[in-house]
Amino acid sequence: MVHDHRVVVIMPALNAEKTLEKTYSEVPKDIVDEIILVDDQSSDATPELSKKLGIQTIVHLTNTGYGGNQKTAYQAALKTQSDFIIMLHPDYQYSPKLITSMAYLLDSGFYDVVLGSRILGGGALRGGMPLYKYFFNRILTAIQNILMGAKLSEYHTGYRAYRRKVLEVIPYLNNSNDFAFDAQLLSQAIFWGFSIGEISCPTRYFSEASSINFQRSVKYGIQCLITAFQFRLAKWKLMSNALFIPQDRRSNKTT
């Protein structure tokens, strides 16, 4: 707990048996009040190991996709009366040790969202990010910053922390069930004027770490560009879109 704020970590999991225990062991238990893992129909023993470790475990009956997994996780986290919700992938690509820094940045009151950026500090390539992914990351981020009027170092990290109010306002249930979910949620945070901070986050690329192939990376990139254009058209009030519905129509608040 951080200054009487309840901190909940969510883990969207798919075949994370080999890395889950190591990831869990480095989560700062003095800061984190609860961990929720949502298993998206793993073919290994991820859910069994999660339960053995004492993690609150939710198992999907069918595979819902990366975005669908997060929707379940955020809804579950909100039901715990959490104040800060931090998404950590259980594949050990991002260091759990940064949870403390991310929570304290939220606690400072300056930020509503905190991102663990692989680009700040130049750690992406040193950590093994494929060159083509780094190149597309930089191009996509530049275009997204222009269209959304922001100055983020990257939009594509999977290491994120949110104040509760962000997830109560943003209509994330309308987002994609695929990898585009992350880019859509971040664009929504910008749309609703939430403040976003970033910290440098070293990353690791290895065989057990989750990643998408080149074909899916291209599809993801196209979806990110579409979202950015939808954002701009919504800002100009030229087109209505379910991702950017007015606040008086929001439906994610959990009581």
C-alpha atoms as a PDB file:
ATOM      1  CA  MET A   1       0.000   0.000   0.000  1.00  0.00           C
ATOM      2  CA  VAL A   2       1.269   3.490  -0.923  1.00  0.00           C
ATOM      3  CA  HIS A   3       0.099   6.222   1.476  1.00  0.00           C
ATOM      4  CA  ASP A   4      -3.238   4.491   2.088  1.00  0.00           C
ATOM      5  CA  HIS A   5      -3.723   3.767  -1.622  1.00  0.00           C
ATOM      6  CA  ARG A   6      -4.587   0.184  -2.543  1.00  0.00           C
ATOM      7  CA  VAL A   7      -2.280  -1.147  -5.289  1.00  0.00           C
ATOM      8  CA  VAL A   8      -3.423  -4.056  -7.443  1.00  0.00           C
ATOM      9  CA  VAL A   9      -1.285  -5.716 -10.123  1.00  0.00           C
ATOM     10  CA  ILE A  10      -2.976  -7.444 -13.042  1.00  0.00           C
ATOM     11  CA  MET A  11      -1.251 -10.069 -15.173  1.00  0.00           C
ATOM     12  CA  PRO A  12      -2.758 -10.932 -18.582  1.00  0.00           C
ATOM     13  CA  ALA A  13      -1.378 -14.426 -19.120  1.00  0.00           C
ATOM     14  CA  LEU A  14      -1.029 -16.878 -21.976  1.00  0.00           C
ATOM     15  CA  ASN A  15       1.412 -19.783 -21.664  1.00  0.00           C
ATOM     16  CA  ALA A  16       3.502 -18.076 -18.980  1.00  0.00           C
ATOM     17  CA  GLU A  17       4.341 -21.167 -16.920  1.00  0.00           C
ATOM     18  CA  LYS A  18       8.115 -20.868 -17.472  1.00  0.00           C
ATOM     19  CA  THR A  19       8.363 -17.229 -16.390  1.00  0.00           C
ATOM     20  CA  LEU A  20       5.485 -16.646 -13.981  1.00  0.00           C
ATOM     21  CA  GLU A  21       7.218 -17.717 -10.767  1.00  0.00           C
ATOM     22  CA  LYS A  22      10.293 -15.572 -11.438  1.00  0.00           C
ATOM     23  CA  THR A  23       8.083 -12.597 -12.299  1.00  0.00           C
ATOM     24  CA  TYR A  24       5.998 -13.113  -9.180  1.00  0.00           C
ATOM     25  CA  SER A  25       9.077 -13.439  -6.946  1.00  0.00           C
ATOM     26  CA  GLU A  26      10.226  -9.923  -7.884  1.00  0.00           C
ATOM     27  CA  VAL A  27       6.892  -8.181  -7.309  1.00  0.00           C
ATOM     28  CA  PRO A  28       7.387  -5.810  -4.330  1.00  0.00           C
ATOM     29  CA  LYS A  29       4.939  -7.301  -1.835  1.00  0.00           C
ATOM     30  CA  ASP A  30       5.367  -4.329   0.536  1.00  0.00           C
ATOM     31  CA  ILE A  31       3.749  -2.098  -2.113  1.00  0.00           C
ATOM     32  CA  VAL A  32       1.319  -4.451  -3.836  1.00  0.00           C
ATOM     33  CA  ASP A  33      -1.869  -5.407  -1.985  1.00  0.00           C
ATOM     34  CA  GLU A  34      -3.189  -7.954  -4.477  1.00  0.00           C
ATOM     35  CA  ILE A  35      -2.244  -9.683  -7.727  1.00  0.00           C
ATOM     36  CA  ILE A  36      -4.831 -10.856 -10.242  1.00  0.00           C
ATOM     37  CA  LEU A  37      -3.858 -13.171 -13.096  1.00  0.00           C
ATOM     38  CA  VAL A  38      -6.256 -13.757 -15.981  1.00  0.00           C
ATOM     39  CA  ASP A  39      -5.391 -16.859 -17.969  1.00  0.00           C
ATOM     40  CA  ASP A  40      -6.559 -16.770 -21.583  1.00  0.00           C
ATOM     41  CA  GLN A  41      -6.765 -20.524 -22.175  1.00  0.00           C
ATOM     42  CA  SER A  42      -3.080 -21.396 -21.846  1.00  0.00           C
ATOM     43  CA  SER A  43      -1.962 -24.760 -23.191  1.00  0.00           C
ATOM     44  CA  ASP A  44       0.516 -25.141 -20.317  1.00  0.00           C
ATOM     45  CA  ALA A  45       0.104 -25.148 -16.524  1.00  0.00           C
ATOM     46  CA  THR A  46      -0.019 -21.366 -16.077  1.00  0.00           C
ATOM     47  CA  PRO A  47      -3.330 -21.288 -14.124  1.00  0.00           C
ATOM     48  CA  GLU A  48      -2.325 -24.177 -11.859  1.00  0.00           C
ATOM     49  CA  LEU A  49       1.002 -22.526 -11.032  1.00  0.00           C
ATOM     50  CA  SER A  50      -0.704 -19.189 -10.453  1.00  0.00           C
ATOM     51  CA  LYS A  51      -3.067 -20.721  -7.908  1.00  0.00           C
ATOM     52  CA  LYS A  52      -0.173 -22.555  -6.253  1.00  0.00           C
ATOM     53  CA  LEU A  53       1.615 -19.217  -5.797  1.00  0.00           C
ATOM     54  CA  GLY A  54      -1.457 -17.819  -4.086  1.00  0.00           C
ATOM     55  CA  ILE A  55      -2.375 -15.438  -6.903  1.00  0.00           C
ATOM     56  CA  GLN A  56      -6.049 -14.681  -7.485  1.00  0.00           C
ATOM     57  CA  THR A  57      -6.596 -16.534 -10.749  1.00  0.00           C
ATOM     58  CA  ILE A  58      -9.342 -16.098 -13.330  1.00  0.00           C
ATOM     59  CA  VAL A  59      -9.469 -18.603 -16.194  1.00  0.00           C
ATOM     60  CA  HIS A  60     -11.229 -17.832 -19.461  1.00  0.00           C
ATOM     61  CA  LEU A  61     -13.254 -20.692 -20.901  1.00  0.00           C
ATOM     62  CA  THR A  62     -12.268 -19.569 -24.400  1.00  0.00           C
ATOM     63  CA  ASN A  63      -9.397 -17.496 -25.722  1.00  0.00           C
ATOM     64  CA  THR A  64     -10.523 -13.866 -25.862  1.00  0.00           C
ATOM     65  CA  GLY A  65      -7.324 -12.239 -27.130  1.00  0.00           C
ATOM     66  CA  TYR A  66      -4.884  -9.864 -25.456  1.00  0.00           C
ATOM     67  CA  GLY A  67      -7.401  -7.040 -25.243  1.00  0.00           C
ATOM     68  CA  GLY A  68     -10.190  -9.311 -24.063  1.00  0.00           C
ATOM     69  CA  ASN A  69      -7.899 -10.592 -21.324  1.00  0.00           C
ATOM     70  CA  GLN A  70      -7.255  -7.054 -20.085  1.00  0.00           C
ATOM     71  CA  LYS A  71     -10.955  -6.192 -20.045  1.00  0.00           C
ATOM     72  CA  THR A  72     -11.582  -9.038 -17.604  1.00  0.00           C
ATOM     73  CA  ALA A  73      -8.548  -8.075 -15.528  1.00  0.00           C
ATOM     74  CA  TYR A  74      -9.480  -4.398 -15.193  1.00  0.00           C
ATOM     75  CA  GLN A  75     -13.050  -5.215 -14.244  1.00  0.00           C
ATOM     76  CA  ALA A  76     -11.795  -7.622 -11.588  1.00  0.00           C
ATOM     77  CA  ALA A  77      -9.311  -5.055 -10.271  1.00  0.00           C
ATOM     78  CA  LEU A  78     -11.966  -2.359  -9.998  1.00  0.00           C
ATOM     79  CA  LYS A  79     -14.139  -4.704  -7.951  1.00  0.00           C
ATOM     80  CA  THR A  80     -11.354  -4.929  -5.344  1.00  0.00           C
ATOM     81  CA  GLN A  81     -11.701  -1.185  -4.628  1.00  0.00           C
ATOM     82  CA  SER A  82      -8.173  -0.633  -5.949  1.00  0.00           C
ATOM     83  CA  ASP A  83      -6.782   2.899  -6.177  1.00  0.00           C
ATOM     84  CA  PHE A  84      -3.826   2.136  -8.453  1.00  0.00           C
ATOM     85  CA  ILE A  85      -3.928  -0.627 -11.074  1.00  0.00           C
ATOM     86  CA  ILE A  86      -0.657  -1.763 -12.639  1.00  0.00           C
ATOM     87  CA  MET A  87      -0.437  -4.114 -15.610  1.00  0.00           C
ATOM     88  CA  LEU A  88       2.597  -6.398 -15.545  1.00  0.00           C
ATOM     89  CA  HIS A  89       3.146  -9.111 -18.134  1.00  0.00           C
ATOM     90  CA  PRO A  90       4.035 -12.430 -16.468  1.00  0.00           C
ATOM     91  CA  ASP A  91       6.564 -13.274 -19.192  1.00  0.00           C
ATOM     92  CA  TYR A  92       9.388 -11.429 -17.352  1.00  0.00           C
ATOM     93  CA  GLN A  93       9.969  -9.030 -20.237  1.00  0.00           C
ATOM     94  CA  TYR A  94       9.483  -6.037 -17.922  1.00  0.00           C
ATOM     95  CA  SER A  95      11.066  -5.775 -14.486  1.00  0.00           C
ATOM     96  CA  PRO A  96       8.526  -6.057 -11.618  1.00  0.00           C
ATOM     97  CA  LYS A  97      10.923  -4.010  -9.485  1.00  0.00           C
ATOM     98  CA  LEU A  98       9.709  -0.841 -11.197  1.00  0.00           C
ATOM     99  CA  ILE A  99       6.228  -1.255  -9.718  1.00  0.00           C
ATOM    100  CA  THR A 100       7.336   0.766  -6.689  1.00  0.00           C
ATOM    101  CA  SER A 101       8.446   3.720  -8.811  1.00  0.00           C
ATOM    102  CA  MET A 102       5.293   3.620 -10.922  1.00  0.00           C
ATOM    103  CA  ALA A 103       3.042   3.513  -7.855  1.00  0.00           C
ATOM    104  CA  TYR A 104       4.834   6.446  -6.230  1.00  0.00           C
ATOM    105  CA  LEU A 105       4.542   8.502  -9.420  1.00  0.00           C
ATOM    106  CA  LEU A 106       0.783   7.957  -9.316  1.00  0.00           C
ATOM    107  CA  ASP A 107       0.821   8.772  -5.610  1.00  0.00           C
ATOM    108  CA  SER A 108       2.561  12.085  -6.310  1.00  0.00           C
ATOM    109  CA  GLY A 109      -0.685  13.386  -7.789  1.00  0.00           C
ATOM    110  CA  PHE A 110       1.031  14.650 -10.938  1.00  0.00           C
ATOM    111  CA  TYR A 111       0.095  11.701 -13.140  1.00  0.00           C
ATOM    112  CA  ASP A 112      -3.021   9.650 -13.834  1.00  0.00           C
ATOM    113  CA  VAL A 113      -1.176   7.162 -16.064  1.00  0.00           C
ATOM    114  CA  VAL A 114       2.433   6.004 -15.853  1.00  0.00           C
ATOM    115  CA  LEU A 115       4.161   4.100 -18.653  1.00  0.00           C
ATOM    116  CA  GLY A 116       7.280   1.978 -18.439  1.00  0.00           C
ATOM    117  CA  SER A 117       9.022   3.144 -21.610  1.00  0.00           C
ATOM    118  CA  ARG A 118      11.490   0.894 -23.406  1.00  0.00           C
ATOM    119  CA  ILE A 119      12.669   3.847 -25.479  1.00  0.00           C
ATOM    120  CA  LEU A 120      13.691   6.252 -22.707  1.00  0.00           C
ATOM    121  CA  GLY A 121      17.286   5.501 -21.782  1.00  0.00           C
ATOM    122  CA  GLY A 122      17.898   3.592 -25.009  1.00  0.00           C
ATOM    123  CA  GLY A 123      17.304   0.175 -23.483  1.00  0.00           C
ATOM    124  CA  ALA A 124      15.094  -1.298 -26.217  1.00  0.00           C
ATOM    125  CA  LEU A 125      17.818  -2.393 -28.628  1.00  0.00           C
ATOM    126  CA  ARG A 126      20.187  -3.348 -25.799  1.00  0.00           C
ATOM    127  CA  GLY A 127      17.439  -5.587 -24.435  1.00  0.00           C
ATOM    128  CA  GLY A 128      17.128  -7.389 -27.760  1.00  0.00           C
ATOM    129  CA  MET A 129      14.182  -5.641 -29.431  1.00  0.00           C
ATOM    130  CA  PRO A 130      14.257  -6.658 -33.130  1.00  0.00           C
ATOM    131  CA  LEU A 131      15.435  -3.813 -35.325  1.00  0.00           C
ATOM    132  CA  TYR A 132      12.293  -3.804 -37.464  1.00  0.00           C
ATOM    133  CA  LYS A 133      10.124  -3.497 -34.355  1.00  0.00           C
ATOM    134  CA  TYR A 134      12.228  -0.622 -33.074  1.00  0.00           C
ATOM    135  CA  PHE A 135      11.986   1.143 -36.446  1.00  0.00           C
ATOM    136  CA  PHE A 136       8.194   0.769 -36.663  1.00  0.00           C
ATOM    137  CA  ASN A 137       7.855   1.781 -33.015  1.00  0.00           C
ATOM    138  CA  ARG A 138       9.609   5.069 -33.716  1.00  0.00           C
ATOM    139  CA  ILE A 139       7.640   5.783 -36.901  1.00  0.00           C
ATOM    140  CA  LEU A 140       4.272   4.912 -35.347  1.00  0.00           C
ATOM    141  CA  THR A 141       4.993   6.921 -32.218  1.00  0.00           C
ATOM    142  CA  ALA A 142       5.949   9.994 -34.244  1.00  0.00           C
ATOM    143  CA  ILE A 143       2.716   9.862 -36.256  1.00  0.00           C
ATOM    144  CA  GLN A 144       0.612   9.204 -33.148  1.00  0.00           C
ATOM    145  CA  ASN A 145       2.201  12.144 -31.324  1.00  0.00           C
ATOM    146  CA  ILE A 146       1.404  14.450 -34.246  1.00  0.00           C
ATOM    147  CA  LEU A 147      -2.212  13.314 -34.601  1.00  0.00           C
ATOM    148  CA  MET A 148      -2.901  13.275 -30.870  1.00  0.00           C
ATOM    149  CA  GLY A 149      -0.918  16.329 -29.876  1.00  0.00           C
ATOM    150  CA  ALA A 150       1.184  14.432 -27.342  1.00  0.00           C
ATOM    151  CA  LYS A 151       4.919  13.984 -26.700  1.00  0.00           C
ATOM    152  CA  LEU A 152       5.272  10.407 -25.525  1.00  0.00           C
ATOM    153  CA  SER A 153       8.426   8.381 -26.130  1.00  0.00           C
ATOM    154  CA  GLU A 154       6.317   5.374 -27.122  1.00  0.00           C
ATOM    155  CA  TYR A 155       2.708   4.154 -27.225  1.00  0.00           C
ATOM    156  CA  HIS A 156       3.436   0.448 -27.399  1.00  0.00           C
ATOM    157  CA  THR A 157       4.762  -0.613 -24.026  1.00  0.00           C
ATOM    158  CA  GLY A 158       2.802  -3.247 -22.141  1.00  0.00           C
ATOM    159  CA  TYR A 159       3.925  -1.934 -18.742  1.00  0.00           C
ATOM    160  CA  ARG A 160       1.303   0.543 -17.514  1.00  0.00           C
ATOM    161  CA  ALA A 161      -0.120   1.963 -14.302  1.00  0.00           C
ATOM    162  CA  TYR A 162      -3.468   3.724 -13.929  1.00  0.00           C
ATOM    163  CA  ARG A 163      -5.296   5.638 -11.271  1.00  0.00           C
ATOM    164  CA  ARG A 164      -8.730   4.124 -10.700  1.00  0.00           C
ATOM    165  CA  LYS A 165     -10.592   7.106 -12.149  1.00  0.00           C
ATOM    166  CA  VAL A 166      -8.966   6.555 -15.561  1.00  0.00           C
ATOM    167  CA  LEU A 167     -10.536   3.129 -15.959  1.00  0.00           C
ATOM    168  CA  GLU A 168     -13.857   4.375 -14.613  1.00  0.00           C
ATOM    169  CA  VAL A 169     -14.072   7.078 -17.283  1.00  0.00           C
ATOM    170  CA  ILE A 170     -12.529   5.462 -20.350  1.00  0.00           C
ATOM    171  CA  PRO A 171     -14.903   3.166 -22.305  1.00  0.00           C
ATOM    172  CA  TYR A 172     -12.283   0.419 -22.639  1.00  0.00           C
ATOM    173  CA  LEU A 173     -14.928  -2.270 -23.093  1.00  0.00           C
ATOM    174  CA  ASN A 174     -15.465  -0.816 -26.589  1.00  0.00           C
ATOM    175  CA  ASN A 175     -11.825  -1.446 -27.490  1.00  0.00           C
ATOM    176  CA  SER A 176     -10.370  -4.227 -29.614  1.00  0.00           C
ATOM    177  CA  ASN A 177      -9.902  -7.688 -28.129  1.00  0.00           C
ATOM    178  CA  ASP A 178      -6.582  -7.876 -29.983  1.00  0.00           C
ATOM    179  CA  PHE A 179      -3.230  -6.138 -29.458  1.00  0.00           C
ATOM    180  CA  ALA A 180      -4.645  -2.786 -30.598  1.00  0.00           C
ATOM    181  CA  PHE A 181      -6.300  -2.530 -27.177  1.00  0.00           C
ATOM    182  CA  ASP A 182      -3.234  -0.895 -25.617  1.00  0.00           C
ATOM    183  CA  ALA A 183      -2.920   1.836 -28.237  1.00  0.00           C
ATOM    184  CA  GLN A 184      -6.651   2.516 -28.069  1.00  0.00           C
ATOM    185  CA  LEU A 185      -6.662   2.820 -24.282  1.00  0.00           C
ATOM    186  CA  LEU A 186      -3.738   5.228 -24.325  1.00  0.00           C
ATOM    187  CA  SER A 187      -5.364   7.353 -27.009  1.00  0.00           C
ATOM    188  CA  GLN A 188      -8.510   7.451 -24.870  1.00  0.00           C
ATOM    189  CA  ALA A 189      -6.500   8.625 -21.867  1.00  0.00           C
ATOM    190  CA  ILE A 190      -5.150  11.491 -23.969  1.00  0.00           C
ATOM    191  CA  PHE A 191      -8.608  12.239 -25.357  1.00  0.00           C
ATOM    192  CA  TRP A 192     -10.055  12.659 -21.868  1.00  0.00           C
ATOM    193  CA  GLY A 193      -7.154  14.810 -20.756  1.00  0.00           C
ATOM    194  CA  PHE A 194      -5.504  12.489 -18.240  1.00  0.00           C
ATOM    195  CA  SER A 195      -1.892  13.319 -17.400  1.00  0.00           C
ATOM    196  CA  ILE A 196       0.676  10.738 -18.506  1.00  0.00           C
ATOM    197  CA  GLY A 197       4.156  10.194 -17.093  1.00  0.00           C
ATOM    198  CA  GLU A 198       6.919   7.861 -18.259  1.00  0.00           C
ATOM    199  CA  ILE A 199       9.857   6.117 -16.634  1.00  0.00           C
ATOM    200  CA  SER A 200      12.749   4.335 -18.295  1.00  0.00           C
ATOM    201  CA  CYS A 201      12.171   0.595 -18.340  1.00  0.00           C
ATOM    202  CA  PRO A 202      14.821  -1.929 -19.395  1.00  0.00           C
ATOM    203  CA  THR A 203      13.291  -4.797 -21.322  1.00  0.00           C
ATOM    204  CA  ARG A 204      14.252  -8.360 -22.166  1.00  0.00           C
ATOM    205  CA  TYR A 205      13.589 -10.219 -25.400  1.00  0.00           C
ATOM    206  CA  PHE A 206      14.066 -13.985 -25.184  1.00  0.00           C
ATOM    207  CA  SER A 207      12.314 -17.129 -26.379  1.00  0.00           C
ATOM    208  CA  GLU A 208       9.794 -17.311 -23.518  1.00  0.00           C
ATOM    209  CA  ALA A 209       8.867 -13.613 -23.694  1.00  0.00           C
ATOM    210  CA  SER A 210       5.600 -12.922 -25.487  1.00  0.00           C
ATOM    211  CA  SER A 211       5.867 -11.245 -28.862  1.00  0.00           C
ATOM    212  CA  ILE A 212       3.958 -10.981 -32.107  1.00  0.00           C
ATOM    213  CA  ASN A 213       5.318 -11.937 -35.502  1.00  0.00           C
ATOM    214  CA  PHE A 214       5.961  -9.611 -38.432  1.00  0.00           C
ATOM    215  CA  GLN A 215       2.551 -10.137 -40.052  1.00  0.00           C
ATOM    216  CA  ARG A 216       0.668  -9.354 -36.846  1.00  0.00           C
ATOM    217  CA  SER A 217       3.009  -6.419 -36.197  1.00  0.00           C
ATOM    218  CA  VAL A 218       1.960  -4.901 -39.528  1.00  0.00           C
ATOM    219  CA  LYS A 219      -1.724  -5.432 -38.687  1.00  0.00           C
ATOM    220  CA  TYR A 220      -1.149  -3.863 -35.269  1.00  0.00           C
ATOM    221  CA  GLY A 221       0.585  -0.871 -36.839  1.00  0.00           C
ATOM    222  CA  ILE A 222      -2.313  -0.268 -39.214  1.00  0.00           C
ATOM    223  CA  GLN A 223      -4.780  -0.471 -36.308  1.00  0.00           C
ATOM    224  CA  CYS A 224      -2.714   2.075 -34.357  1.00  0.00           C
ATOM    225  CA  LEU A 225      -2.795   4.510 -37.286  1.00  0.00           C
ATOM    226  CA  ILE A 226      -6.550   4.053 -37.702  1.00  0.00           C
ATOM    227  CA  THR A 227      -7.037   4.762 -33.989  1.00  0.00           C
ATOM    228  CA  ALA A 228      -4.914   7.911 -34.212  1.00  0.00           C
ATOM    229  CA  PHE A 229      -6.956   9.222 -37.149  1.00  0.00           C
ATOM    230  CA  GLN A 230     -10.195   8.349 -35.339  1.00  0.00           C
ATOM    231  CA  PHE A 231      -8.914  10.309 -32.350  1.00  0.00           C
ATOM    232  CA  ARG A 232      -8.231  13.390 -34.489  1.00  0.00           C
ATOM    233  CA  LEU A 233     -11.614  13.226 -36.230  1.00  0.00           C
ATOM    234  CA  ALA A 234     -13.359  12.830 -32.866  1.00  0.00           C
ATOM    235  CA  LYS A 235     -11.463  15.816 -31.471  1.00  0.00           C
ATOM    236  CA  TRP A 236     -12.573  17.887 -34.455  1.00  0.00           C
ATOM    237  CA  LYS A 237     -16.127  16.541 -33.952  1.00  0.00           C
ATOM    238  CA  LEU A 238     -16.156  15.315 -37.533  1.00  0.00           C
ATOM    239  CA  MET A 239     -16.903  11.690 -36.712  1.00  0.00           C
ATOM    240  CA  SER A 240     -18.457   9.837 -33.803  1.00  0.00           C
ATOM    241  CA  ASN A 241     -16.652   6.703 -32.680  1.00  0.00           C
ATOM    242  CA  ALA A 242     -17.342   4.201 -29.892  1.00  0.00           C
ATOM    243  CA  LEU A 243     -13.774   4.592 -28.631  1.00  0.00           C
ATOM    244  CA  PHE A 244     -14.350   8.259 -27.857  1.00  0.00           C
ATOM    245  CA  ILE A 245     -17.928   8.434 -26.626  1.00  0.00           C
ATOM    246  CA  PRO A 246     -18.885  11.457 -24.496  1.00  0.00           C
ATOM    247  CA  GLN A 247     -18.280  11.147 -20.780  1.00  0.00           C
ATOM    248  CA  ASP A 248     -22.003  11.220 -19.958  1.00  0.00           C
ATOM    249  CA  ARG A 249     -22.358   7.938 -21.862  1.00  0.00           C
ATOM    250  CA  ARG A 250     -19.481   6.112 -20.160  1.00  0.00           C
ATOM    251  CA  SER A 251     -20.314   2.618 -18.897  1.00  0.00           C
ATOM    252  CA  ASN A 252     -17.214   1.170 -17.209  1.00  0.00           C
ATOM    253  CA  LYS A 253     -17.748   2.435 -13.660  1.00  0.00           C
ATOM    254  CA  THR A 254     -17.858  -0.438 -11.237  1.00  0.00           C
ATOM    255  CA  THR A 255     -19.683  -0.110  -7.945  1.00  0.00           C
END
